[in-house]
Amino acid sequence: MDYEFLKTAFITMFVAIDPPGLIAIFLGVTAGMSAAARKATATHAVIVALAILVAAAWGGQAVLDLLGITVPAFRIAGGLLLFYIAFEMVFEKRVERKSQSAEEAVVADPKNVAVFPLAIPMMAGPGAITATILQASAAGDSTLNMLTLMGVLTAVIGICLVCFLLATKLDRLLGNTGRVVLSRLLGLLLSALAIQIIGDGVTAFAQ
């Protein structure tokens, strides 16, 4: 097993999806639900999100080939997008934007919050899909690395489920200060990963 790939894939996907950052949003969109309904909503949301990310991992390269986009070019573009997300996390803009999107979605379709906004775009949004395709391209032709990526996606989405099911307790534990500190730390980490991805893309693009 390529432990370097495993480490990079897990950190990238965890930070891009940001399970702890979704706790407050989940509590907001499921306010008033019974415990059973909240559990069912969480389960439905993570299944949909995982299906989308797995599809992106296996089919992303085919889409790039169809559009004539090279992997180095996508790495540069994807790295820039991830850097923008990291910027939002460091300056506390991402949660605000996601909360606004969630509120609009609940107003538009209050019965389908599991799919939208929880699955899309909270968990399987542009940033997470981009990160998934980037990691799939990094896996290359290695079946083992692709299976590793599937395990990473399952683990990170599983962490989202745990965060949702324990949302009330975790929200009290973290508090507003804890959420802000954690978000900024993850944002700094993601920004470094984004710069690395951009650098690799530029290097490969120039060759």
C-alpha atoms as a PDB file:
ATOM      1  CA  MET A   1       0.000   0.000   0.000  1.00  0.00           C
ATOM      2  CA  ASP A   2       1.186   3.522  -0.840  1.00  0.00           C
ATOM      3  CA  TYR A   3       0.985   5.143   2.593  1.00  0.00           C
ATOM      4  CA  GLU A   4       2.005   8.546   1.214  1.00  0.00           C
ATOM      5  CA  PHE A   5      -0.986   8.454  -1.158  1.00  0.00           C
ATOM      6  CA  LEU A   6      -3.257   7.307   1.680  1.00  0.00           C
ATOM      7  CA  LYS A   7      -2.111  10.150   3.920  1.00  0.00           C
ATOM      8  CA  THR A   8      -2.418  12.827   1.249  1.00  0.00           C
ATOM      9  CA  ALA A   9      -5.805  11.562   0.033  1.00  0.00           C
ATOM     10  CA  PHE A  10      -7.273  11.409   3.539  1.00  0.00           C
ATOM     11  CA  ILE A  11      -6.060  14.862   4.571  1.00  0.00           C
ATOM     12  CA  THR A  12      -7.199  16.412   1.290  1.00  0.00           C
ATOM     13  CA  MET A  13     -10.664  14.872   1.376  1.00  0.00           C
ATOM     14  CA  PHE A  14     -11.185  15.478   5.093  1.00  0.00           C
ATOM     15  CA  VAL A  15     -10.288  19.150   4.791  1.00  0.00           C
ATOM     16  CA  ALA A  16     -12.229  19.635   1.530  1.00  0.00           C
ATOM     17  CA  ILE A  17     -15.407  18.125   2.999  1.00  0.00           C
ATOM     18  CA  ASP A  18     -14.790  19.472   6.521  1.00  0.00           C
ATOM     19  CA  PRO A  19     -17.110  17.222   8.616  1.00  0.00           C
ATOM     20  CA  PRO A  20     -16.815  19.329  11.815  1.00  0.00           C
ATOM     21  CA  GLY A  21     -17.793  22.440   9.875  1.00  0.00           C
ATOM     22  CA  LEU A  22     -21.047  20.800   8.791  1.00  0.00           C
ATOM     23  CA  ILE A  23     -22.333  20.180  12.315  1.00  0.00           C
ATOM     24  CA  ALA A  24     -23.934  23.582  12.839  1.00  0.00           C
ATOM     25  CA  ILE A  25     -25.434  23.535   9.337  1.00  0.00           C
ATOM     26  CA  PHE A  26     -26.894  20.072   9.903  1.00  0.00           C
ATOM     27  CA  LEU A  27     -28.491  21.209  13.154  1.00  0.00           C
ATOM     28  CA  GLY A  28     -29.926  24.222  11.360  1.00  0.00           C
ATOM     29  CA  VAL A  29     -31.528  22.389   8.441  1.00  0.00           C
ATOM     30  CA  THR A  30     -32.888  19.580  10.631  1.00  0.00           C
ATOM     31  CA  ALA A  31     -34.271  21.845  13.369  1.00  0.00           C
ATOM     32  CA  GLY A  32     -37.647  20.585  14.571  1.00  0.00           C
ATOM     33  CA  MET A  33     -37.113  17.027  13.339  1.00  0.00           C
ATOM     34  CA  SER A  34     -37.499  14.067  15.655  1.00  0.00           C
ATOM     35  CA  ALA A  35     -34.402  12.039  16.510  1.00  0.00           C
ATOM     36  CA  ALA A  36     -35.515   9.272  14.120  1.00  0.00           C
ATOM     37  CA  ALA A  37     -36.142  11.718  11.267  1.00  0.00           C
ATOM     38  CA  ARG A  38     -32.803  13.406  11.847  1.00  0.00           C
ATOM     39  CA  LYS A  39     -31.034  10.035  11.780  1.00  0.00           C
ATOM     40  CA  ALA A  40     -32.811   9.048   8.549  1.00  0.00           C
ATOM     41  CA  THR A  41     -31.925  12.397   6.969  1.00  0.00           C
ATOM     42  CA  ALA A  42     -28.264  12.013   7.933  1.00  0.00           C
ATOM     43  CA  THR A  43     -28.092   8.469   6.568  1.00  0.00           C
ATOM     44  CA  HIS A  44     -29.757   9.428   3.275  1.00  0.00           C
ATOM     45  CA  ALA A  45     -27.452  12.430   2.874  1.00  0.00           C
ATOM     46  CA  VAL A  46     -24.199  10.519   3.353  1.00  0.00           C
ATOM     47  CA  ILE A  47     -25.269   7.734   0.966  1.00  0.00           C
ATOM     48  CA  VAL A  48     -26.034  10.243  -1.794  1.00  0.00           C
ATOM     49  CA  ALA A  49     -22.810  12.178  -1.171  1.00  0.00           C
ATOM     50  CA  LEU A  50     -20.683   9.026  -1.213  1.00  0.00           C
ATOM     51  CA  ALA A  51     -22.296   7.851  -4.459  1.00  0.00           C
ATOM     52  CA  ILE A  52     -21.530  11.192  -6.125  1.00  0.00           C
ATOM     53  CA  LEU A  53     -17.901  11.235  -4.988  1.00  0.00           C
ATOM     54  CA  VAL A  54     -17.309   7.610  -6.001  1.00  0.00           C
ATOM     55  CA  ALA A  55     -18.778   8.386  -9.432  1.00  0.00           C
ATOM     56  CA  ALA A  56     -16.479  11.421  -9.687  1.00  0.00           C
ATOM     57  CA  ALA A  57     -13.455   9.297  -8.789  1.00  0.00           C
ATOM     58  CA  TRP A  58     -14.148   6.647 -11.408  1.00  0.00           C
ATOM     59  CA  GLY A  59     -15.641   8.846 -14.121  1.00  0.00           C
ATOM     60  CA  GLY A  60     -13.813  12.137 -13.674  1.00  0.00           C
ATOM     61  CA  GLN A  61     -10.918  11.236 -15.955  1.00  0.00           C
ATOM     62  CA  ALA A  62     -13.280  10.186 -18.728  1.00  0.00           C
ATOM     63  CA  VAL A  63     -15.009  13.575 -18.519  1.00  0.00           C
ATOM     64  CA  LEU A  64     -11.665  15.368 -18.708  1.00  0.00           C
ATOM     65  CA  ASP A  65     -10.654  13.286 -21.729  1.00  0.00           C
ATOM     66  CA  LEU A  66     -13.991  13.998 -23.405  1.00  0.00           C
ATOM     67  CA  LEU A  67     -13.502  17.743 -22.935  1.00  0.00           C
ATOM     68  CA  GLY A  68      -9.865  17.624 -23.958  1.00  0.00           C
ATOM     69  CA  ILE A  69      -8.620  18.821 -20.558  1.00  0.00           C
ATOM     70  CA  THR A  70      -5.220  17.529 -19.480  1.00  0.00           C
ATOM     71  CA  VAL A  71      -4.554  16.391 -15.932  1.00  0.00           C
ATOM     72  CA  PRO A  72      -1.893  19.105 -15.329  1.00  0.00           C
ATOM     73  CA  ALA A  73      -4.348  21.803 -16.414  1.00  0.00           C
ATOM     74  CA  PHE A  74      -7.016  20.373 -14.131  1.00  0.00           C
ATOM     75  CA  ARG A  75      -4.540  20.230 -11.257  1.00  0.00           C
ATOM     76  CA  ILE A  76      -3.789  23.923 -11.645  1.00  0.00           C
ATOM     77  CA  ALA A  77      -7.479  24.849 -11.856  1.00  0.00           C
ATOM     78  CA  GLY A  78      -8.432  22.460  -9.066  1.00  0.00           C
ATOM     79  CA  GLY A  79      -5.603  23.695  -6.869  1.00  0.00           C
ATOM     80  CA  LEU A  80      -6.776  27.273  -7.332  1.00  0.00           C
ATOM     81  CA  LEU A  81     -10.327  26.292  -6.363  1.00  0.00           C
ATOM     82  CA  LEU A  82      -9.103  24.472  -3.259  1.00  0.00           C
ATOM     83  CA  PHE A  83      -6.955  27.463  -2.358  1.00  0.00           C
ATOM     84  CA  TYR A  84     -10.040  29.691  -2.601  1.00  0.00           C
ATOM     85  CA  ILE A  85     -11.911  27.321  -0.278  1.00  0.00           C
ATOM     86  CA  ALA A  86      -8.940  27.398   2.122  1.00  0.00           C
ATOM     87  CA  PHE A  87      -9.030  31.212   2.025  1.00  0.00           C
ATOM     88  CA  GLU A  88     -12.721  31.125   2.951  1.00  0.00           C
ATOM     89  CA  MET A  89     -12.024  28.753   5.842  1.00  0.00           C
ATOM     90  CA  VAL A  90      -9.191  30.855   7.257  1.00  0.00           C
ATOM     91  CA  PHE A  91     -11.261  34.047   7.115  1.00  0.00           C
ATOM     92  CA  GLU A  92     -14.493  32.383   8.295  1.00  0.00           C
ATOM     93  CA  LYS A  93     -16.360  32.913   5.031  1.00  0.00           C
ATOM     94  CA  ARG A  94     -17.067  29.298   4.099  1.00  0.00           C
ATOM     95  CA  VAL A  95     -19.465  28.428   6.916  1.00  0.00           C
ATOM     96  CA  GLU A  96     -21.313  31.693   6.329  1.00  0.00           C
ATOM     97  CA  ARG A  97     -21.694  30.920   2.616  1.00  0.00           C
ATOM     98  CA  LYS A  98     -22.765  27.331   3.260  1.00  0.00           C
ATOM     99  CA  SER A  99     -25.246  28.408   5.905  1.00  0.00           C
ATOM    100  CA  GLN A 100     -26.821  30.875   3.494  1.00  0.00           C
ATOM    101  CA  SER A 101     -27.064  28.206   0.780  1.00  0.00           C
ATOM    102  CA  ALA A 102     -28.602  25.788   3.269  1.00  0.00           C
ATOM    103  CA  GLU A 103     -31.220  28.305   4.381  1.00  0.00           C
ATOM    104  CA  GLU A 104     -32.205  29.035   0.779  1.00  0.00           C
ATOM    105  CA  ALA A 105     -32.462  25.308   0.030  1.00  0.00           C
ATOM    106  CA  VAL A 106     -34.660  24.625   3.040  1.00  0.00           C
ATOM    107  CA  VAL A 107     -37.004  27.420   2.014  1.00  0.00           C
ATOM    108  CA  ALA A 108     -37.146  26.115  -1.565  1.00  0.00           C
ATOM    109  CA  ASP A 109     -37.675  22.444  -0.686  1.00  0.00           C
ATOM    110  CA  PRO A 110     -37.956  21.727   3.052  1.00  0.00           C
ATOM    111  CA  LYS A 111     -38.790  18.042   2.497  1.00  0.00           C
ATOM    112  CA  ASN A 112     -35.617  17.155   0.620  1.00  0.00           C
ATOM    113  CA  VAL A 113     -32.811  18.559   2.762  1.00  0.00           C
ATOM    114  CA  ALA A 114     -30.917  15.242   2.749  1.00  0.00           C
ATOM    115  CA  VAL A 115     -30.111  15.536  -0.951  1.00  0.00           C
ATOM    116  CA  PHE A 116     -29.984  19.311  -1.124  1.00  0.00           C
ATOM    117  CA  PRO A 117     -28.260  20.994   0.635  1.00  0.00           C
ATOM    118  CA  LEU A 118     -26.706  18.294   2.866  1.00  0.00           C
ATOM    119  CA  ALA A 119     -25.415  15.904   0.192  1.00  0.00           C
ATOM    120  CA  ILE A 120     -25.105  18.555  -2.522  1.00  0.00           C
ATOM    121  CA  PRO A 121     -23.319  20.920  -2.100  1.00  0.00           C
ATOM    122  CA  MET A 122     -22.407  20.600   1.593  1.00  0.00           C
ATOM    123  CA  MET A 123     -20.558  17.269   1.332  1.00  0.00           C
ATOM    124  CA  ALA A 124     -20.278  16.610  -2.404  1.00  0.00           C
ATOM    125  CA  GLY A 125     -19.814  20.186  -3.565  1.00  0.00           C
ATOM    126  CA  PRO A 126     -17.454  21.578  -6.220  1.00  0.00           C
ATOM    127  CA  GLY A 127     -14.483  21.545  -3.853  1.00  0.00           C
ATOM    128  CA  ALA A 128     -14.975  17.937  -2.742  1.00  0.00           C
ATOM    129  CA  ILE A 129     -15.627  16.723  -6.291  1.00  0.00           C
ATOM    130  CA  THR A 130     -12.531  18.545  -7.557  1.00  0.00           C
ATOM    131  CA  ALA A 131     -10.429  17.103  -4.739  1.00  0.00           C
ATOM    132  CA  THR A 132     -11.757  13.616  -5.516  1.00  0.00           C
ATOM    133  CA  ILE A 133     -10.867  13.857  -9.208  1.00  0.00           C
ATOM    134  CA  LEU A 134      -7.413  15.216  -8.327  1.00  0.00           C
ATOM    135  CA  GLN A 135      -6.767  12.312  -5.989  1.00  0.00           C
ATOM    136  CA  ALA A 136      -8.053   9.838  -8.578  1.00  0.00           C
ATOM    137  CA  SER A 137      -5.627  11.283 -11.137  1.00  0.00           C
ATOM    138  CA  ALA A 138      -2.836  11.024  -8.556  1.00  0.00           C
ATOM    139  CA  ALA A 139      -3.707   7.347  -8.129  1.00  0.00           C
ATOM    140  CA  GLY A 140      -2.725   6.815 -11.765  1.00  0.00           C
ATOM    141  CA  ASP A 141      -3.208   3.318 -13.119  1.00  0.00           C
ATOM    142  CA  SER A 142      -2.835   1.704  -9.702  1.00  0.00           C
ATOM    143  CA  THR A 143      -5.917  -0.309  -8.799  1.00  0.00           C
ATOM    144  CA  LEU A 144      -4.685  -0.489  -5.206  1.00  0.00           C
ATOM    145  CA  ASN A 145      -4.491   3.296  -4.971  1.00  0.00           C
ATOM    146  CA  MET A 146      -7.992   3.643  -6.389  1.00  0.00           C
ATOM    147  CA  LEU A 147      -9.305   1.151  -3.850  1.00  0.00           C
ATOM    148  CA  THR A 148      -7.452   3.125  -1.177  1.00  0.00           C
ATOM    149  CA  LEU A 149      -9.221   6.267  -2.382  1.00  0.00           C
ATOM    150  CA  MET A 150     -12.581   4.484  -2.144  1.00  0.00           C
ATOM    151  CA  GLY A 151     -11.721   3.589   1.440  1.00  0.00           C
ATOM    152  CA  VAL A 152     -10.737   7.184   2.176  1.00  0.00           C
ATOM    153  CA  LEU A 153     -13.993   8.538   0.728  1.00  0.00           C
ATOM    154  CA  THR A 154     -16.000   6.020   2.733  1.00  0.00           C
ATOM    155  CA  ALA A 155     -14.096   6.899   5.911  1.00  0.00           C
ATOM    156  CA  VAL A 156     -14.497  10.668   5.532  1.00  0.00           C
ATOM    157  CA  ILE A 157     -18.192  10.403   4.660  1.00  0.00           C
ATOM    158  CA  GLY A 158     -18.533   8.002   7.597  1.00  0.00           C
ATOM    159  CA  ILE A 159     -17.027  10.689   9.834  1.00  0.00           C
ATOM    160  CA  CYS A 160     -19.675  13.075   8.472  1.00  0.00           C
ATOM    161  CA  LEU A 161     -22.362  10.589   9.539  1.00  0.00           C
ATOM    162  CA  VAL A 162     -20.893  10.342  13.036  1.00  0.00           C
ATOM    163  CA  CYS A 163     -20.759  14.149  13.255  1.00  0.00           C
ATOM    164  CA  PHE A 164     -24.404  14.351  12.188  1.00  0.00           C
ATOM    165  CA  LEU A 165     -25.597  11.696  14.609  1.00  0.00           C
ATOM    166  CA  LEU A 166     -23.687  13.309  17.489  1.00  0.00           C
ATOM    167  CA  ALA A 167     -24.262  16.849  16.239  1.00  0.00           C
ATOM    168  CA  THR A 168     -25.879  18.228  19.397  1.00  0.00           C
ATOM    169  CA  LYS A 169     -23.175  16.902  21.714  1.00  0.00           C
ATOM    170  CA  LEU A 170     -20.299  17.873  19.405  1.00  0.00           C
ATOM    171  CA  ASP A 171     -21.715  21.359  18.913  1.00  0.00           C
ATOM    172  CA  ARG A 172     -21.738  21.894  22.673  1.00  0.00           C
ATOM    173  CA  LEU A 173     -18.249  20.400  22.996  1.00  0.00           C
ATOM    174  CA  LEU A 174     -16.631  22.510  20.282  1.00  0.00           C
ATOM    175  CA  GLY A 175     -18.509  25.716  20.872  1.00  0.00           C
ATOM    176  CA  ASN A 176     -18.123  28.712  18.585  1.00  0.00           C
ATOM    177  CA  THR A 177     -14.459  29.254  19.506  1.00  0.00           C
ATOM    178  CA  GLY A 178     -13.565  25.626  18.869  1.00  0.00           C
ATOM    179  CA  ARG A 179     -15.261  25.669  15.466  1.00  0.00           C
ATOM    180  CA  VAL A 180     -13.442  28.834  14.429  1.00  0.00           C
ATOM    181  CA  VAL A 181     -10.021  27.560  15.536  1.00  0.00           C
ATOM    182  CA  LEU A 182     -10.524  24.165  13.885  1.00  0.00           C
ATOM    183  CA  SER A 183     -11.765  25.740  10.657  1.00  0.00           C
ATOM    184  CA  ARG A 184      -8.770  28.038  10.445  1.00  0.00           C
ATOM    185  CA  LEU A 185      -6.292  25.254  11.133  1.00  0.00           C
ATOM    186  CA  LEU A 186      -7.874  23.054   8.466  1.00  0.00           C
ATOM    187  CA  GLY A 187      -7.912  26.032   6.099  1.00  0.00           C
ATOM    188  CA  LEU A 188      -4.180  26.572   6.543  1.00  0.00           C
ATOM    189  CA  LEU A 189      -3.558  22.889   5.896  1.00  0.00           C
ATOM    190  CA  LEU A 190      -5.723  22.931   2.779  1.00  0.00           C
ATOM    191  CA  SER A 191      -3.986  26.042   1.460  1.00  0.00           C
ATOM    192  CA  ALA A 192      -0.609  24.280   1.686  1.00  0.00           C
ATOM    193  CA  LEU A 193      -2.013  21.212  -0.099  1.00  0.00           C
ATOM    194  CA  ALA A 194      -3.554  23.461  -2.769  1.00  0.00           C
ATOM    195  CA  ILE A 195      -0.217  25.188  -3.432  1.00  0.00           C
ATOM    196  CA  GLN A 196       1.446  21.778  -3.735  1.00  0.00           C
ATOM    197  CA  ILE A 197      -1.190  20.642  -6.250  1.00  0.00           C
ATOM    198  CA  ILE A 198      -0.790  23.860  -8.258  1.00  0.00           C
ATOM    199  CA  GLY A 199       3.000  23.485  -8.222  1.00  0.00           C
ATOM    200  CA  ASP A 200       2.790  19.884  -9.440  1.00  0.00           C
ATOM    201  CA  GLY A 201       0.387  20.963 -12.164  1.00  0.00           C
ATOM    202  CA  VAL A 202       2.606  23.811 -13.343  1.00  0.00           C
ATOM    203  CA  THR A 203       5.662  21.558 -13.372  1.00  0.00           C
ATOM    204  CA  ALA A 204       3.879  18.850 -15.370  1.00  0.00           C
ATOM    205  CA  PHE A 205       2.256  21.430 -17.688  1.00  0.00           C
ATOM    206  CA  ALA A 206       5.631  22.976 -18.504  1.00  0.00           C
ATOM    207  CA  GLN A 207       7.246  19.675 -19.452  1.00  0.00           C
END
